PDB file of all heavy atoms in Angstrom:
ATOM      1  N   LEU A   1     134.297 141.271  55.016  1.00  0.00           N
ATOM      2  CA  LEU A   1     133.259 141.853  54.071  1.00  0.00           C
ATOM      3  C   LEU A   1     133.330 141.423  52.675  1.00  0.00           C
ATOM      4  O   LEU A   1     132.508 141.710  51.800  1.00  0.00           O
ATOM      5  CB  LEU A   1     133.219 143.407  54.151  1.00  0.00           C
ATOM      6  CG  LEU A   1     132.819 144.078  55.580  1.00  0.00           C
ATOM      7  CD1 LEU A   1     133.028 145.477  55.623  1.00  0.00           C
ATOM      8  CD2 LEU A   1     131.413 143.678  55.863  1.00  0.00           C
ATOM      9  N   SER A   2     134.453 140.727  52.283  1.00  0.00           N
ATOM     10  CA  SER A   2     134.682 140.337  51.006  1.00  0.00           C
ATOM     11  C   SER A   2     133.689 139.110  50.507  1.00  0.00           C
ATOM     12  O   SER A   2     133.022 138.457  51.418  1.00  0.00           O
ATOM     13  CB  SER A   2     136.069 139.866  50.806  1.00  0.00           C
ATOM     14  OG  SER A   2     136.353 138.565  51.402  1.00  0.00           O
ATOM     15  N   ASP A   3     133.704 138.739  49.306  1.00  0.00           N
ATOM     16  CA  ASP A   3     132.851 137.636  48.836  1.00  0.00           C
ATOM     17  C   ASP A   3     133.466 136.242  49.228  1.00  0.00           C
ATOM     18  O   ASP A   3     132.760 135.189  49.046  1.00  0.00           O
ATOM     19  CB  ASP A   3     132.781 137.739  47.336  1.00  0.00           C
ATOM     20  CG  ASP A   3     132.010 138.757  46.831  1.00  0.00           C
ATOM     21  OD1 ASP A   3     131.195 139.339  47.663  1.00  0.00           O
ATOM     22  OD2 ASP A   3     132.118 139.393  45.809  1.00  0.00           O
ATOM     23  N   GLU A   4     134.638 136.157  49.784  1.00  0.00           N
ATOM     24  CA  GLU A   4     135.260 134.999  50.135  1.00  0.00           C
ATOM     25  C   GLU A   4     134.937 134.340  51.431  1.00  0.00           C
ATOM     26  O   GLU A   4     135.337 133.241  51.813  1.00  0.00           O
ATOM     27  CB  GLU A   4     136.856 135.127  49.894  1.00  0.00           C
ATOM     28  CG  GLU A   4     137.437 135.998  50.933  1.00  0.00           C
ATOM     29  CD  GLU A   4     138.891 136.241  50.580  1.00  0.00           C
ATOM     30  OE1 GLU A   4     139.299 136.723  49.408  1.00  0.00           O
ATOM     31  OE2 GLU A   4     139.769 136.119  51.557  1.00  0.00           O
ATOM     32  N   VAL A   5     134.350 135.191  52.326  1.00  0.00           N
ATOM     33  CA  VAL A   5     133.815 134.861  53.540  1.00  0.00           C
ATOM     34  C   VAL A   5     132.352 134.789  53.754  1.00  0.00           C
ATOM     35  O   VAL A   5     131.670 135.735  53.544  1.00  0.00           O
ATOM     36  CB  VAL A   5     134.464 135.771  54.632  1.00  0.00           C
ATOM     37  CG1 VAL A   5     133.992 135.396  56.083  1.00  0.00           C
ATOM     38  CG2 VAL A   5     136.041 135.649  54.635  1.00  0.00           C
ATOM     39  N   HIS A   6     131.848 133.569  54.204  1.00  0.00           N
ATOM     40  CA  HIS A   6     130.405 133.435  54.471  1.00  0.00           C
ATOM     41  C   HIS A   6     130.216 132.602  55.687  1.00  0.00           C
ATOM     42  O   HIS A   6     130.999 131.698  55.941  1.00  0.00           O
ATOM     43  CB  HIS A   6     129.810 132.651  53.183  1.00  0.00           C
ATOM     44  CG  HIS A   6     130.063 133.351  51.823  1.00  0.00           C
ATOM     45  ND1 HIS A   6     129.297 134.365  51.403  1.00  0.00           N
ATOM     46  CD2 HIS A   6     130.934 133.081  50.826  1.00  0.00           C
ATOM     47  CE1 HIS A   6     129.719 134.884  50.225  1.00  0.00           C
ATOM     48  NE2 HIS A   6     130.690 133.988  49.886  1.00  0.00           N
ATOM     49  N   PRO A   7     129.023 132.647  56.329  1.00  0.00           N
ATOM     50  CA  PRO A   7     128.722 131.766  57.365  1.00  0.00           C
ATOM     51  C   PRO A   7     128.759 130.239  56.836  1.00  0.00           C
ATOM     52  O   PRO A   7     128.278 130.025  55.616  1.00  0.00           O
ATOM     53  CB  PRO A   7     127.261 132.105  57.712  1.00  0.00           C
ATOM     54  CG  PRO A   7     127.005 133.564  57.126  1.00  0.00           C
ATOM     55  CD  PRO A   7     127.856 133.686  56.029  1.00  0.00           C
ATOM     56  N   ASN A   8     129.226 129.342  57.581  1.00  0.00           N
ATOM     57  CA  ASN A   8     129.205 127.964  57.282  1.00  0.00           C
ATOM     58  C   ASN A   8     127.962 127.159  57.853  1.00  0.00           C
ATOM     59  O   ASN A   8     127.108 127.812  58.553  1.00  0.00           O
ATOM     60  CB  ASN A   8     130.500 127.286  57.541  1.00  0.00           C
ATOM     61  CG  ASN A   8     130.850 127.301  58.994  1.00  0.00           C
ATOM     62  OD1 ASN A   8     130.032 126.859  59.803  1.00  0.00           O
ATOM     63  ND2 ASN A   8     132.002 127.681  59.325  1.00  0.00           N
ATOM     64  N   GLN A   9     127.933 125.909  57.634  1.00  0.00           N
ATOM     65  CA  GLN A   9     126.681 125.037  58.045  1.00  0.00           C
ATOM     66  C   GLN A   9     126.677 125.024  59.496  1.00  0.00           C
ATOM     67  O   GLN A   9     125.559 124.959  60.033  1.00  0.00           O
ATOM     68  CB  GLN A   9     126.924 123.656  57.519  1.00  0.00           C
ATOM     69  CG  GLN A   9     126.454 123.589  56.058  1.00  0.00           C
ATOM     70  CD  GLN A   9     125.094 124.139  55.714  1.00  0.00           C
ATOM     71  OE1 GLN A   9     124.182 123.774  56.342  1.00  0.00           O
ATOM     72  NE2 GLN A   9     125.021 124.971  54.722  1.00  0.00           N
ATOM     73  N   ALA A  10     127.773 125.260  60.310  1.00  0.00           N
ATOM     74  CA  ALA A  10     127.670 125.343  61.744  1.00  0.00           C
ATOM     75  C   ALA A  10     126.913 126.554  62.264  1.00  0.00           C
ATOM     76  O   ALA A  10     126.137 126.594  63.141  1.00  0.00           O
ATOM     77  CB  ALA A  10     128.977 125.285  62.219  1.00  0.00           C
ATOM     78  N   HIS A  11     127.301 127.773  61.525  1.00  0.00           N
ATOM     79  CA  HIS A  11     126.668 129.018  61.984  1.00  0.00           C
ATOM     80  C   HIS A  11     125.143 128.925  61.655  1.00  0.00           C
ATOM     81  O   HIS A  11     124.300 129.256  62.382  1.00  0.00           O
ATOM     82  CB  HIS A  11     127.246 130.266  61.193  1.00  0.00           C
ATOM     83  CG  HIS A  11     128.652 130.436  61.387  1.00  0.00           C
ATOM     84  ND1 HIS A  11     129.594 130.195  60.594  1.00  0.00           N
ATOM     85  CD2 HIS A  11     129.269 131.119  62.565  1.00  0.00           C
ATOM     86  CE1 HIS A  11     130.848 130.513  61.087  1.00  0.00           C
ATOM     87  NE2 HIS A  11     130.669 131.122  62.280  1.00  0.00           N
ATOM     88  N   ILE A  12     124.906 128.426  60.456  1.00  0.00           N
ATOM     89  CA  ILE A  12     123.423 128.170  60.022  1.00  0.00           C
ATOM     90  C   ILE A  12     122.599 127.307  60.861  1.00  0.00           C
ATOM     91  O   ILE A  12     121.516 127.591  61.237  1.00  0.00           O
ATOM     92  CB  ILE A  12     123.437 127.747  58.535  1.00  0.00           C
ATOM     93  CG1 ILE A  12     124.132 128.871  57.525  1.00  0.00           C
ATOM     94  CG2 ILE A  12     122.070 127.406  58.045  1.00  0.00           C
ATOM     95  CD1 ILE A  12     124.407 128.362  56.197  1.00  0.00           C
ATOM     96  N   ALA A  13     123.290 126.237  61.341  1.00  0.00           N
ATOM     97  CA  ALA A  13     122.626 125.324  62.128  1.00  0.00           C
ATOM     98  C   ALA A  13     122.239 126.013  63.538  1.00  0.00           C
ATOM     99  O   ALA A  13     121.170 125.630  64.066  1.00  0.00           O
ATOM    100  CB  ALA A  13     123.540 123.943  62.445  1.00  0.00           C
ATOM    101  N   LEU A  14     123.176 126.794  64.095  1.00  0.00           N
ATOM    102  CA  LEU A  14     122.836 127.426  65.317  1.00  0.00           C
ATOM    103  C   LEU A  14     121.711 128.445  65.260  1.00  0.00           C
ATOM    104  O   LEU A  14     120.904 128.628  66.121  1.00  0.00           O
ATOM    105  CB  LEU A  14     124.107 128.028  65.993  1.00  0.00           C
ATOM    106  CG  LEU A  14     125.366 127.181  66.381  1.00  0.00           C
ATOM    107  CD1 LEU A  14     126.432 127.867  66.927  1.00  0.00           C
ATOM    108  CD2 LEU A  14     124.752 126.182  67.485  1.00  0.00           C
ATOM    109  N   ALA A  15     121.728 129.071  64.011  1.00  0.00           N
ATOM    110  CA  ALA A  15     120.616 130.094  63.725  1.00  0.00           C
ATOM    111  C   ALA A  15     119.259 129.257  63.623  1.00  0.00           C
ATOM    112  O   ALA A  15     118.225 129.754  64.065  1.00  0.00           O
ATOM    113  CB  ALA A  15     120.865 130.798  62.522  1.00  0.00           C
ATOM    114  N   GLU A  16     119.306 128.149  62.963  1.00  0.00           N
ATOM    115  CA  GLU A  16     118.215 127.238  62.924  1.00  0.00           C
ATOM    116  C   GLU A  16     117.581 126.859  64.289  1.00  0.00           C
ATOM    117  O   GLU A  16     116.381 126.818  64.558  1.00  0.00           O
ATOM    118  CB  GLU A  16     118.361 126.097  61.958  1.00  0.00           C
ATOM    119  CG  GLU A  16     117.093 125.188  61.811  1.00  0.00           C
ATOM    120  CD  GLU A  16     117.513 123.951  61.014  1.00  0.00           C
ATOM    121  OE1 GLU A  16     118.594 123.659  60.717  1.00  0.00           O
ATOM    122  OE2 GLU A  16     116.527 123.201  60.685  1.00  0.00           O
ATOM    123  N   LEU A  17     118.651 126.419  65.118  1.00  0.00           N
ATOM    124  CA  LEU A  17     118.315 126.041  66.501  1.00  0.00           C
ATOM    125  C   LEU A  17     117.518 127.098  67.320  1.00  0.00           C
ATOM    126  O   LEU A  17     116.673 126.985  68.059  1.00  0.00           O
ATOM    127  CB  LEU A  17     119.479 125.628  67.247  1.00  0.00           C
ATOM    128  CG  LEU A  17     119.309 125.113  68.587  1.00  0.00           C
ATOM    129  CD1 LEU A  17     118.431 123.867  68.820  1.00  0.00           C
ATOM    130  CD2 LEU A  17     120.731 124.802  69.337  1.00  0.00           C
ATOM    131  N   GLU A  18     118.083 128.309  67.178  1.00  0.00           N
ATOM    132  CA  GLU A  18     117.587 129.544  67.890  1.00  0.00           C
ATOM    133  C   GLU A  18     116.128 129.760  67.462  1.00  0.00           C
ATOM    134  O   GLU A  18     115.226 130.158  68.179  1.00  0.00           O
ATOM    135  CB  GLU A  18     118.404 130.698  67.535  1.00  0.00           C
ATOM    136  CG  GLU A  18     117.881 131.947  68.372  1.00  0.00           C
ATOM    137  CD  GLU A  18     118.799 133.202  68.212  1.00  0.00           C
ATOM    138  OE1 GLU A  18     120.028 132.956  68.170  1.00  0.00           O
ATOM    139  OE2 GLU A  18     118.286 134.335  68.159  1.00  0.00           O
ATOM    140  N   GLU A  19     115.899 129.574  66.051  1.00  0.00           N
ATOM    141  CA  GLU A  19     114.506 129.844  65.486  1.00  0.00           C
ATOM    142  C   GLU A  19     113.525 128.693  66.055  1.00  0.00           C
ATOM    143  O   GLU A  19     112.381 128.971  66.236  1.00  0.00           O
ATOM    144  CB  GLU A  19     114.598 129.801  64.054  1.00  0.00           C
ATOM    145  CG  GLU A  19     113.316 129.946  63.313  1.00  0.00           C
ATOM    146  CD  GLU A  19     113.445 129.932  61.833  1.00  0.00           C
ATOM    147  OE1 GLU A  19     114.534 129.701  61.291  1.00  0.00           O
ATOM    148  OE2 GLU A  19     112.443 129.959  61.147  1.00  0.00           O
ATOM    149  N   LYS A  20     113.867 127.462  66.082  1.00  0.00           N
ATOM    150  CA  LYS A  20     113.093 126.295  66.340  1.00  0.00           C
ATOM    151  C   LYS A  20     112.971 125.927  67.865  1.00  0.00           C
ATOM    152  O   LYS A  20     112.023 125.334  68.186  1.00  0.00           O
ATOM    153  CB  LYS A  20     113.363 125.113  65.607  1.00  0.00           C
ATOM    154  CG  LYS A  20     113.372 125.447  63.946  1.00  0.00           C
ATOM    155  CD  LYS A  20     113.569 124.184  63.177  1.00  0.00           C
ATOM    156  CE  LYS A  20     113.398 124.388  61.739  1.00  0.00           C
ATOM    157  NZ  LYS A  20     113.731 123.217  60.987  1.00  0.00           N
ATOM    158  N   PHE A  21     113.901 126.388  68.557  1.00  0.00           N
ATOM    159  CA  PHE A  21     113.981 125.917  69.958  1.00  0.00           C
ATOM    160  C   PHE A  21     113.027 126.690  70.802  1.00  0.00           C
ATOM    161  O   PHE A  21     112.833 127.815  70.675  1.00  0.00           O
ATOM    162  CB  PHE A  21     115.414 126.181  70.625  1.00  0.00           C
ATOM    163  CG  PHE A  21     115.590 125.560  71.999  1.00  0.00           C
ATOM    164  CD1 PHE A  21     115.541 124.420  72.291  1.00  0.00           C
ATOM    165  CD2 PHE A  21     116.034 126.512  72.940  1.00  0.00           C
ATOM    166  CE1 PHE A  21     115.767 123.845  73.473  1.00  0.00           C
ATOM    167  CE2 PHE A  21     116.200 126.159  74.241  1.00  0.00           C
ATOM    168  CZ  PHE A  21     116.132 124.779  74.471  1.00  0.00           C
ATOM    169  N   GLN A  22     112.236 125.977  71.680  1.00  0.00           N
ATOM    170  CA  GLN A  22     111.144 126.563  72.442  1.00  0.00           C
ATOM    171  C   GLN A  22     111.735 127.410  73.671  1.00  0.00           C
ATOM    172  O   GLN A  22     110.957 128.289  74.244  1.00  0.00           O
ATOM    173  CB  GLN A  22     110.101 125.598  72.949  1.00  0.00           C
ATOM    174  CG  GLN A  22     109.420 124.917  71.683  1.00  0.00           C
ATOM    175  CD  GLN A  22     108.638 125.806  70.914  1.00  0.00           C
ATOM    176  OE1 GLN A  22     107.958 126.607  71.377  1.00  0.00           O
ATOM    177  NE2 GLN A  22     108.849 125.783  69.505  1.00  0.00           N
ATOM    178  N   GLY A  23     112.928 127.001  74.067  1.00  0.00           N
ATOM    179  CA  GLY A  23     113.369 127.734  75.241  1.00  0.00           C
ATOM    180  C   GLY A  23     114.346 128.835  74.954  1.00  0.00           C
ATOM    181  O   GLY A  23     114.162 129.419  73.859  1.00  0.00           O
ATOM    182  N   LYS A  24     115.317 129.114  75.794  1.00  0.00           N
ATOM    183  CA  LYS A  24     116.135 130.405  75.649  1.00  0.00           C
ATOM    184  C   LYS A  24     117.495 129.784  75.123  1.00  0.00           C
ATOM    185  O   LYS A  24     118.112 128.812  75.658  1.00  0.00           O
ATOM    186  CB  LYS A  24     116.352 130.998  76.896  1.00  0.00           C
ATOM    187  CG  LYS A  24     117.183 132.307  76.847  1.00  0.00           C
ATOM    188  CD  LYS A  24     117.319 133.047  78.157  1.00  0.00           C
ATOM    189  CE  LYS A  24     118.195 134.242  78.118  1.00  0.00           C
ATOM    190  NZ  LYS A  24     118.352 134.954  79.348  1.00  0.00           N
TER     191      LYS A  24
END
């Protein structure tokens, strides 16, 4: 929960895939 830990580009990319992917 500290300021030193954040999602990185890999996490963000998978979230983007979930948003744009037409399947499951």
